[in-house]
Amino acid sequence: MAKRRRAKKTMLGGKAAEFVARERVCRVATVGDGVVPHLVPVCHVLSGGKLYFGSGDDARKVLNLKANPRVAVTVDLYSDHWASLKGVMVQGAVRLIERGPRFQSVRKLLYAKYPQYPREAAISPSDSVIVEVTPTHVFTWGFE
């Protein structure tokens, strides 16, 4: 089985950052006022050491993040050969970006990575937010 690195890191760097940037889907866990976690897959980009994803402004994950601006994000690869397991878990603080130049620049990055995004799930300041995740803890496995 792949060894899990236990060292506490607060930044995404090196091979782990390349892996997160390359992968197409991550899983985002949030908890709002209640005690039940909410876990959903999202399409993400990595820029400047921070993770970003778009969402409808009334989505459960966004409502949870307004109540509790902390998140866990996992990007991983499964293999039946468990020695090949690889992944990154980021725990972080969230900022919701509702409009403005940062909203537009991150939306452009998302649209570049996912060309179907504008057609299938356009991100508009009228009904969407960009979620910015600043890592506070980073855990990796399979990169040793």
N, C-alpha and C. Protein backbone atom coordinates (compact mmCIF):
# COMPACT_ATOMS: atom_id res chain seq x y z
N MET A 1 0.84 -1.17 0.00
CA MET A 1 0.00 0.00 0.00
C MET A 1 0.89 1.24 0.00
N ALA A 2 0.47 2.30 -0.67
CA ALA A 2 1.25 3.53 -0.72
C ALA A 2 1.36 4.13 0.67
N LYS A 3 2.55 4.63 0.98
CA LYS A 3 2.75 5.25 2.28
C LYS A 3 2.14 6.63 2.30
N ARG A 4 1.55 6.99 3.41
CA ARG A 4 0.96 8.31 3.58
C ARG A 4 1.97 9.19 4.30
N ARG A 5 2.24 10.34 3.74
CA ARG A 5 3.17 11.29 4.37
C ARG A 5 2.42 12.01 5.48
N ARG A 6 2.96 11.97 6.68
CA ARG A 6 2.31 12.56 7.84
C ARG A 6 2.81 13.97 8.15
N ALA A 7 3.87 14.39 7.50
CA ALA A 7 4.41 15.71 7.79
C ALA A 7 3.35 16.77 7.47
N LYS A 8 3.22 17.71 8.37
CA LYS A 8 2.24 18.77 8.20
C LYS A 8 2.79 19.81 7.23
N LYS A 9 2.10 20.00 6.12
CA LYS A 9 2.48 21.01 5.15
C LYS A 9 1.32 21.98 5.01
N THR A 10 1.64 23.20 4.63
CA THR A 10 0.58 24.19 4.45
C THR A 10 0.53 24.72 3.03
N MET A 11 1.39 24.22 2.16
CA MET A 11 1.38 24.66 0.77
C MET A 11 1.38 23.47 -0.16
N LEU A 12 0.75 23.65 -1.29
CA LEU A 12 0.80 22.66 -2.35
C LEU A 12 2.02 22.98 -3.21
N GLY A 13 2.89 22.01 -3.36
CA GLY A 13 4.07 22.25 -4.18
C GLY A 13 4.55 20.98 -4.85
N GLY A 14 5.50 21.11 -5.74
CA GLY A 14 6.15 19.98 -6.39
C GLY A 14 5.21 19.08 -7.16
N LYS A 15 5.49 17.78 -7.04
CA LYS A 15 4.71 16.78 -7.77
C LYS A 15 3.24 16.76 -7.35
N ALA A 16 2.98 17.03 -6.08
CA ALA A 16 1.58 17.05 -5.61
C ALA A 16 0.81 18.18 -6.30
N ALA A 17 1.43 19.35 -6.43
CA ALA A 17 0.76 20.47 -7.11
C ALA A 17 0.55 20.16 -8.59
N GLU A 18 1.54 19.56 -9.23
CA GLU A 18 1.39 19.18 -10.63
C GLU A 18 0.23 18.19 -10.80
N PHE A 19 0.15 17.24 -9.89
CA PHE A 19 -0.91 16.23 -9.91
C PHE A 19 -2.29 16.90 -9.76
N VAL A 20 -2.43 17.77 -8.78
CA VAL A 20 -3.71 18.45 -8.55
C VAL A 20 -4.08 19.31 -9.76
N ALA A 21 -3.12 20.02 -10.31
CA ALA A 21 -3.40 20.87 -11.48
C ALA A 21 -3.84 20.05 -12.69
N ARG A 22 -3.25 18.88 -12.86
CA ARG A 22 -3.53 18.03 -14.03
C ARG A 22 -4.87 17.31 -13.93
N GLU A 23 -5.22 16.84 -12.75
CA GLU A 23 -6.44 16.04 -12.59
C GLU A 23 -7.69 16.87 -12.89
N ARG A 24 -8.74 16.19 -13.33
CA ARG A 24 -9.94 16.87 -13.83
C ARG A 24 -11.02 17.05 -12.77
N VAL A 25 -11.02 16.22 -11.72
CA VAL A 25 -12.09 16.28 -10.73
C VAL A 25 -11.51 16.16 -9.33
N CYS A 26 -12.06 16.92 -8.42
CA CYS A 26 -11.72 16.77 -7.00
C CYS A 26 -13.03 16.60 -6.24
N ARG A 27 -12.91 16.19 -4.99
CA ARG A 27 -14.09 16.03 -4.13
C ARG A 27 -13.99 17.05 -3.01
N VAL A 28 -15.08 17.76 -2.78
CA VAL A 28 -15.12 18.85 -1.80
C VAL A 28 -16.08 18.48 -0.68
N ALA A 29 -15.57 18.52 0.55
CA ALA A 29 -16.40 18.24 1.73
C ALA A 29 -16.59 19.53 2.52
N THR A 30 -17.85 19.80 2.85
CA THR A 30 -18.22 20.97 3.65
C THR A 30 -19.15 20.53 4.77
N VAL A 31 -19.24 21.37 5.79
CA VAL A 31 -20.22 21.18 6.87
C VAL A 31 -20.75 22.56 7.20
N GLY A 32 -22.05 22.70 7.22
CA GLY A 32 -22.65 23.99 7.56
C GLY A 32 -22.97 24.08 9.03
N ASP A 33 -24.16 24.55 9.34
CA ASP A 33 -24.60 24.67 10.73
C ASP A 33 -24.85 23.32 11.38
N GLY A 34 -25.14 22.32 10.55
CA GLY A 34 -25.44 20.99 11.09
C GLY A 34 -24.17 20.19 11.30
N VAL A 35 -24.35 18.91 11.52
CA VAL A 35 -23.20 18.04 11.78
C VAL A 35 -22.96 17.03 10.67
N VAL A 36 -23.78 17.06 9.63
CA VAL A 36 -23.66 16.09 8.55
C VAL A 36 -22.79 16.66 7.43
N PRO A 37 -21.68 16.00 7.10
CA PRO A 37 -20.84 16.48 5.99
C PRO A 37 -21.57 16.38 4.65
N HIS A 38 -21.22 17.26 3.76
CA HIS A 38 -21.74 17.28 2.40
C HIS A 38 -20.53 17.10 1.48
N LEU A 39 -20.56 16.10 0.61
CA LEU A 39 -19.41 15.77 -0.23
C LEU A 39 -19.85 15.73 -1.69
N VAL A 40 -19.17 16.52 -2.54
CA VAL A 40 -19.53 16.57 -3.96
C VAL A 40 -18.28 16.66 -4.83
N PRO A 41 -18.36 16.10 -6.04
CA PRO A 41 -17.25 16.28 -6.99
C PRO A 41 -17.39 17.65 -7.66
N VAL A 42 -16.27 18.28 -7.93
CA VAL A 42 -16.27 19.55 -8.66
C VAL A 42 -15.08 19.58 -9.62
N CYS A 43 -15.18 20.44 -10.61
CA CYS A 43 -14.08 20.70 -11.54
C CYS A 43 -13.30 21.90 -11.00
N HIS A 44 -12.00 21.78 -10.95
CA HIS A 44 -11.18 22.76 -10.25
C HIS A 44 -10.00 23.23 -11.10
N VAL A 45 -9.39 24.31 -10.67
CA VAL A 45 -8.10 24.75 -11.18
C VAL A 45 -7.22 25.09 -9.99
N LEU A 46 -5.92 25.02 -10.22
CA LEU A 46 -4.93 25.41 -9.22
C LEU A 46 -4.19 26.62 -9.78
N SER A 47 -4.14 27.69 -9.01
CA SER A 47 -3.46 28.90 -9.45
C SER A 47 -2.87 29.60 -8.23
N GLY A 48 -1.58 29.90 -8.30
CA GLY A 48 -0.94 30.60 -7.20
C GLY A 48 -0.99 29.86 -5.88
N GLY A 49 -0.98 28.52 -5.94
CA GLY A 49 -1.02 27.71 -4.72
C GLY A 49 -2.39 27.57 -4.10
N LYS A 50 -3.42 28.13 -4.75
CA LYS A 50 -4.79 28.03 -4.24
C LYS A 50 -5.64 27.24 -5.21
N LEU A 51 -6.64 26.54 -4.67
CA LEU A 51 -7.61 25.81 -5.48
C LEU A 51 -8.83 26.70 -5.70
N TYR A 52 -9.41 26.57 -6.90
CA TYR A 52 -10.62 27.33 -7.23
C TYR A 52 -11.61 26.41 -7.91
N PHE A 53 -12.88 26.65 -7.64
CA PHE A 53 -13.95 26.01 -8.40
C PHE A 53 -15.16 26.93 -8.40
N GLY A 54 -16.01 26.73 -9.40
CA GLY A 54 -17.23 27.53 -9.50
C GLY A 54 -18.41 26.76 -8.96
N SER A 55 -19.45 27.52 -8.59
CA SER A 55 -20.67 26.88 -8.08
C SER A 55 -21.83 27.85 -8.18
N GLY A 56 -23.03 27.28 -8.25
CA GLY A 56 -24.22 28.10 -8.12
C GLY A 56 -24.25 28.71 -6.74
N ASP A 57 -24.69 29.96 -6.63
CA ASP A 57 -24.65 30.63 -5.33
C ASP A 57 -25.65 30.09 -4.32
N ASP A 58 -26.57 29.24 -4.78
CA ASP A 58 -27.55 28.65 -3.85
C ASP A 58 -27.28 27.15 -3.61
N ALA A 59 -26.14 26.66 -4.07
CA ALA A 59 -25.79 25.24 -3.89
C ALA A 59 -25.52 24.95 -2.41
N ARG A 60 -25.80 23.73 -2.00
CA ARG A 60 -25.60 23.33 -0.60
C ARG A 60 -24.17 23.62 -0.14
N LYS A 61 -23.17 23.32 -0.99
CA LYS A 61 -21.79 23.54 -0.57
C LYS A 61 -21.52 25.02 -0.29
N VAL A 62 -22.10 25.90 -1.09
CA VAL A 62 -21.90 27.34 -0.88
C VAL A 62 -22.63 27.80 0.38
N LEU A 63 -23.84 27.32 0.59
CA LEU A 63 -24.56 27.67 1.83
C LEU A 63 -23.78 27.19 3.04
N ASN A 64 -23.22 25.97 2.95
CA ASN A 64 -22.40 25.46 4.05
C ASN A 64 -21.17 26.34 4.27
N LEU A 65 -20.52 26.75 3.18
CA LEU A 65 -19.31 27.55 3.30
C LEU A 65 -19.59 28.95 3.85
N LYS A 66 -20.78 29.46 3.62
CA LYS A 66 -21.15 30.75 4.22
C LYS A 66 -21.27 30.61 5.73
N ALA A 67 -21.75 29.45 6.19
CA ALA A 67 -21.90 29.20 7.62
C ALA A 67 -20.59 28.77 8.27
N ASN A 68 -19.75 28.08 7.51
CA ASN A 68 -18.50 27.51 8.04
C ASN A 68 -17.46 27.53 6.91
N PRO A 69 -16.63 28.56 6.84
CA PRO A 69 -15.72 28.73 5.70
C PRO A 69 -14.47 27.86 5.74
N ARG A 70 -14.65 26.60 6.10
CA ARG A 70 -13.56 25.62 6.08
C ARG A 70 -13.96 24.46 5.19
N VAL A 71 -12.99 23.85 4.56
CA VAL A 71 -13.28 22.82 3.56
C VAL A 71 -12.17 21.78 3.56
N ALA A 72 -12.51 20.59 3.10
CA ALA A 72 -11.52 19.56 2.79
C ALA A 72 -11.72 19.19 1.32
N VAL A 73 -10.63 19.10 0.60
CA VAL A 73 -10.65 18.78 -0.83
C VAL A 73 -9.70 17.61 -1.06
N THR A 74 -10.16 16.60 -1.79
CA THR A 74 -9.32 15.45 -2.11
C THR A 74 -9.25 15.25 -3.61
N VAL A 75 -8.03 15.02 -4.08
CA VAL A 75 -7.78 14.62 -5.46
C VAL A 75 -6.99 13.32 -5.35
N ASP A 76 -7.51 12.25 -5.97
CA ASP A 76 -6.82 10.98 -5.83
C ASP A 76 -6.99 10.11 -7.05
N LEU A 77 -6.11 9.12 -7.15
CA LEU A 77 -6.18 8.10 -8.19
C LEU A 77 -6.26 6.75 -7.52
N TYR A 78 -7.25 5.99 -7.88
CA TYR A 78 -7.38 4.63 -7.35
C TYR A 78 -6.70 3.66 -8.30
N SER A 79 -6.17 2.60 -7.74
CA SER A 79 -5.61 1.50 -8.53
C SER A 79 -5.85 0.21 -7.76
N ASP A 80 -6.16 -0.86 -8.50
CA ASP A 80 -6.28 -2.16 -7.84
C ASP A 80 -4.92 -2.63 -7.31
N HIS A 81 -3.87 -2.06 -7.83
CA HIS A 81 -2.53 -2.30 -7.31
C HIS A 81 -2.28 -1.22 -6.26
N TRP A 82 -2.55 -1.53 -5.01
CA TRP A 82 -2.60 -0.52 -3.96
C TRP A 82 -1.28 0.19 -3.72
N ALA A 83 -0.18 -0.39 -4.13
CA ALA A 83 1.10 0.31 -4.01
C ALA A 83 1.15 1.53 -4.93
N SER A 84 0.21 1.60 -5.87
CA SER A 84 0.17 2.71 -6.82
C SER A 84 -0.82 3.80 -6.44
N LEU A 85 -1.48 3.65 -5.30
CA LEU A 85 -2.44 4.68 -4.87
C LEU A 85 -1.72 6.02 -4.73
N LYS A 86 -2.41 7.10 -5.11
CA LYS A 86 -1.81 8.42 -5.08
C LYS A 86 -2.90 9.43 -4.79
N GLY A 87 -2.58 10.43 -3.96
CA GLY A 87 -3.57 11.45 -3.71
C GLY A 87 -3.06 12.61 -2.89
N VAL A 88 -3.92 13.62 -2.83
CA VAL A 88 -3.66 14.84 -2.07
C VAL A 88 -4.95 15.23 -1.38
N MET A 89 -4.85 15.52 -0.07
CA MET A 89 -5.98 16.10 0.64
C MET A 89 -5.56 17.47 1.14
N VAL A 90 -6.37 18.46 0.84
CA VAL A 90 -6.13 19.82 1.28
C VAL A 90 -7.24 20.21 2.24
N GLN A 91 -6.86 20.67 3.41
CA GLN A 91 -7.80 21.32 4.31
C GLN A 91 -7.52 22.80 4.19
N GLY A 92 -8.57 23.61 4.13
CA GLY A 92 -8.30 25.01 3.91
C GLY A 92 -9.40 25.95 4.32
N ALA A 93 -9.04 27.22 4.23
CA ALA A 93 -9.97 28.33 4.48
C ALA A 93 -10.52 28.80 3.14
N VAL A 94 -11.78 29.20 3.16
CA VAL A 94 -12.47 29.55 1.92
C VAL A 94 -12.82 31.03 1.88
N ARG A 95 -12.71 31.56 0.67
CA ARG A 95 -13.24 32.90 0.38
C ARG A 95 -14.15 32.74 -0.82
N LEU A 96 -15.35 33.31 -0.74
CA LEU A 96 -16.29 33.28 -1.85
C LEU A 96 -16.12 34.56 -2.66
N ILE A 97 -15.86 34.38 -3.95
CA ILE A 97 -15.66 35.52 -4.85
C ILE A 97 -16.92 35.66 -5.70
N GLU A 98 -17.64 36.74 -5.53
CA GLU A 98 -18.95 36.89 -6.17
C GLU A 98 -18.92 37.67 -7.47
N ARG A 99 -17.92 38.51 -7.66
CA ARG A 99 -17.84 39.30 -8.90
C ARG A 99 -16.48 39.99 -8.94
N GLY A 100 -16.23 40.74 -10.00
CA GLY A 100 -15.02 41.53 -10.10
C GLY A 100 -13.92 40.86 -10.91
N PRO A 101 -12.76 41.50 -10.96
CA PRO A 101 -11.65 41.01 -11.79
C PRO A 101 -11.17 39.61 -11.40
N ARG A 102 -11.13 39.31 -10.10
CA ARG A 102 -10.67 37.96 -9.69
C ARG A 102 -11.67 36.90 -10.14
N PHE A 103 -12.97 37.19 -10.01
CA PHE A 103 -14.02 36.28 -10.50
C PHE A 103 -13.78 36.00 -11.98
N GLN A 104 -13.57 37.05 -12.76
CA GLN A 104 -13.40 36.91 -14.20
C GLN A 104 -12.13 36.14 -14.56
N SER A 105 -11.03 36.41 -13.86
CA SER A 105 -9.77 35.74 -14.21
C SER A 105 -9.82 34.25 -13.87
N VAL A 106 -10.43 33.90 -12.73
CA VAL A 106 -10.53 32.47 -12.38
C VAL A 106 -11.52 31.77 -13.31
N ARG A 107 -12.62 32.43 -13.64
CA ARG A 107 -13.58 31.83 -14.58
C ARG A 107 -12.88 31.53 -15.91
N LYS A 108 -12.01 32.43 -16.34
CA LYS A 108 -11.27 32.22 -17.59
C LYS A 108 -10.37 30.99 -17.48
N LEU A 109 -9.73 30.80 -16.32
CA LEU A 109 -8.90 29.60 -16.10
C LEU A 109 -9.75 28.33 -16.14
N LEU A 110 -10.91 28.35 -15.49
CA LEU A 110 -11.81 27.19 -15.50
C LEU A 110 -12.29 26.89 -16.92
N TYR A 111 -12.66 27.93 -17.67
CA TYR A 111 -13.12 27.73 -19.04
C TYR A 111 -12.01 27.20 -19.94
N ALA A 112 -10.75 27.58 -19.67
CA ALA A 112 -9.63 27.08 -20.47
C ALA A 112 -9.38 25.59 -20.19
N LYS A 113 -9.48 25.19 -18.93
CA LYS A 113 -9.24 23.78 -18.58
C LYS A 113 -10.41 22.90 -18.99
N TYR A 114 -11.61 23.43 -18.91
CA TYR A 114 -12.84 22.68 -19.21
C TYR A 114 -13.61 23.41 -20.30
N PRO A 115 -13.31 23.17 -21.58
CA PRO A 115 -13.95 23.92 -22.68
C PRO A 115 -15.47 23.79 -22.72
N GLN A 116 -16.02 22.73 -22.15
CA GLN A 116 -17.47 22.54 -22.15
C GLN A 116 -18.17 23.40 -21.10
N TYR A 117 -17.42 23.95 -20.17
CA TYR A 117 -17.99 24.71 -19.04
C TYR A 117 -18.93 25.84 -19.51
N PRO A 118 -18.52 26.71 -20.44
CA PRO A 118 -19.42 27.81 -20.82
C PRO A 118 -20.75 27.34 -21.41
N ARG A 119 -20.73 26.21 -22.12
CA ARG A 119 -21.96 25.68 -22.73
C ARG A 119 -22.82 24.92 -21.74
N GLU A 120 -22.19 24.12 -20.89
CA GLU A 120 -22.90 23.19 -20.03
C GLU A 120 -23.27 23.76 -18.66
N ALA A 121 -22.44 24.64 -18.12
CA ALA A 121 -22.67 25.16 -16.76
C ALA A 121 -21.98 26.51 -16.60
N ALA A 122 -22.42 27.47 -17.39
CA ALA A 122 -21.78 28.79 -17.38
C ALA A 122 -21.74 29.38 -15.98
N ILE A 123 -20.64 30.06 -15.69
CA ILE A 123 -20.44 30.70 -14.39
C ILE A 123 -20.70 32.19 -14.57
N SER A 124 -21.76 32.68 -13.98
CA SER A 124 -22.16 34.08 -14.13
C SER A 124 -22.23 34.77 -12.77
N PRO A 125 -21.79 36.02 -12.68
CA PRO A 125 -21.89 36.73 -11.40
C PRO A 125 -23.33 36.88 -10.90
N SER A 126 -24.29 36.72 -11.80
CA SER A 126 -25.69 36.88 -11.38
C SER A 126 -26.21 35.71 -10.55
N ASP A 127 -25.58 34.52 -10.70
CA ASP A 127 -26.11 33.36 -9.96
C ASP A 127 -25.03 32.36 -9.54
N SER A 128 -23.76 32.77 -9.61
CA SER A 128 -22.65 31.86 -9.31
C SER A 128 -21.62 32.55 -8.44
N VAL A 129 -20.78 31.73 -7.83
CA VAL A 129 -19.61 32.23 -7.10
C VAL A 129 -18.40 31.41 -7.52
N ILE A 130 -17.24 31.98 -7.31
CA ILE A 130 -15.99 31.25 -7.41
C ILE A 130 -15.55 30.99 -5.97
N VAL A 131 -15.22 29.75 -5.68
CA VAL A 131 -14.75 29.39 -4.35
C VAL A 131 -13.22 29.31 -4.40
N GLU A 132 -12.58 30.08 -3.53
CA GLU A 132 -11.12 30.09 -3.42
C GLU A 132 -10.73 29.36 -2.15
N VAL A 133 -9.89 28.35 -2.28
CA VAL A 133 -9.43 27.55 -1.13
C VAL A 133 -7.95 27.84 -0.89
N THR A 134 -7.66 28.40 0.26
CA THR A 134 -6.28 28.62 0.68
C THR A 134 -5.88 27.48 1.61
N PRO A 135 -4.91 26.66 1.20
CA PRO A 135 -4.53 25.51 2.04
C PRO A 135 -4.02 25.93 3.42
N THR A 136 -4.49 25.22 4.43
CA THR A 136 -3.96 25.37 5.79
C THR A 136 -3.21 24.10 6.20
N HIS A 137 -3.61 22.96 5.64
CA HIS A 137 -2.92 21.68 5.84
C HIS A 137 -2.97 20.92 4.52
N VAL A 138 -1.87 20.28 4.16
CA VAL A 138 -1.81 19.48 2.94
C VAL A 138 -1.23 18.11 3.31
N PHE A 139 -1.95 17.05 2.92
CA PHE A 139 -1.52 15.68 3.17
C PHE A 139 -1.40 15.00 1.82
N THR A 140 -0.33 14.24 1.62
CA THR A 140 -0.14 13.53 0.36
C THR A 140 0.18 12.07 0.60
N TRP A 141 -0.10 11.25 -0.39
CA TRP A 141 0.31 9.86 -0.36
C TRP A 141 0.62 9.42 -1.79
N GLY A 142 1.61 8.52 -1.89
CA GLY A 142 1.99 7.96 -3.18
C GLY A 142 2.97 8.80 -3.98
N PHE A 143 3.53 9.85 -3.41
CA PHE A 143 4.49 10.69 -4.13
C PHE A 143 5.92 10.47 -3.65
N GLU A 144 6.14 9.57 -2.70
CA GLU A 144 7.46 9.37 -2.14
C GLU A 144 8.38 8.73 -3.13
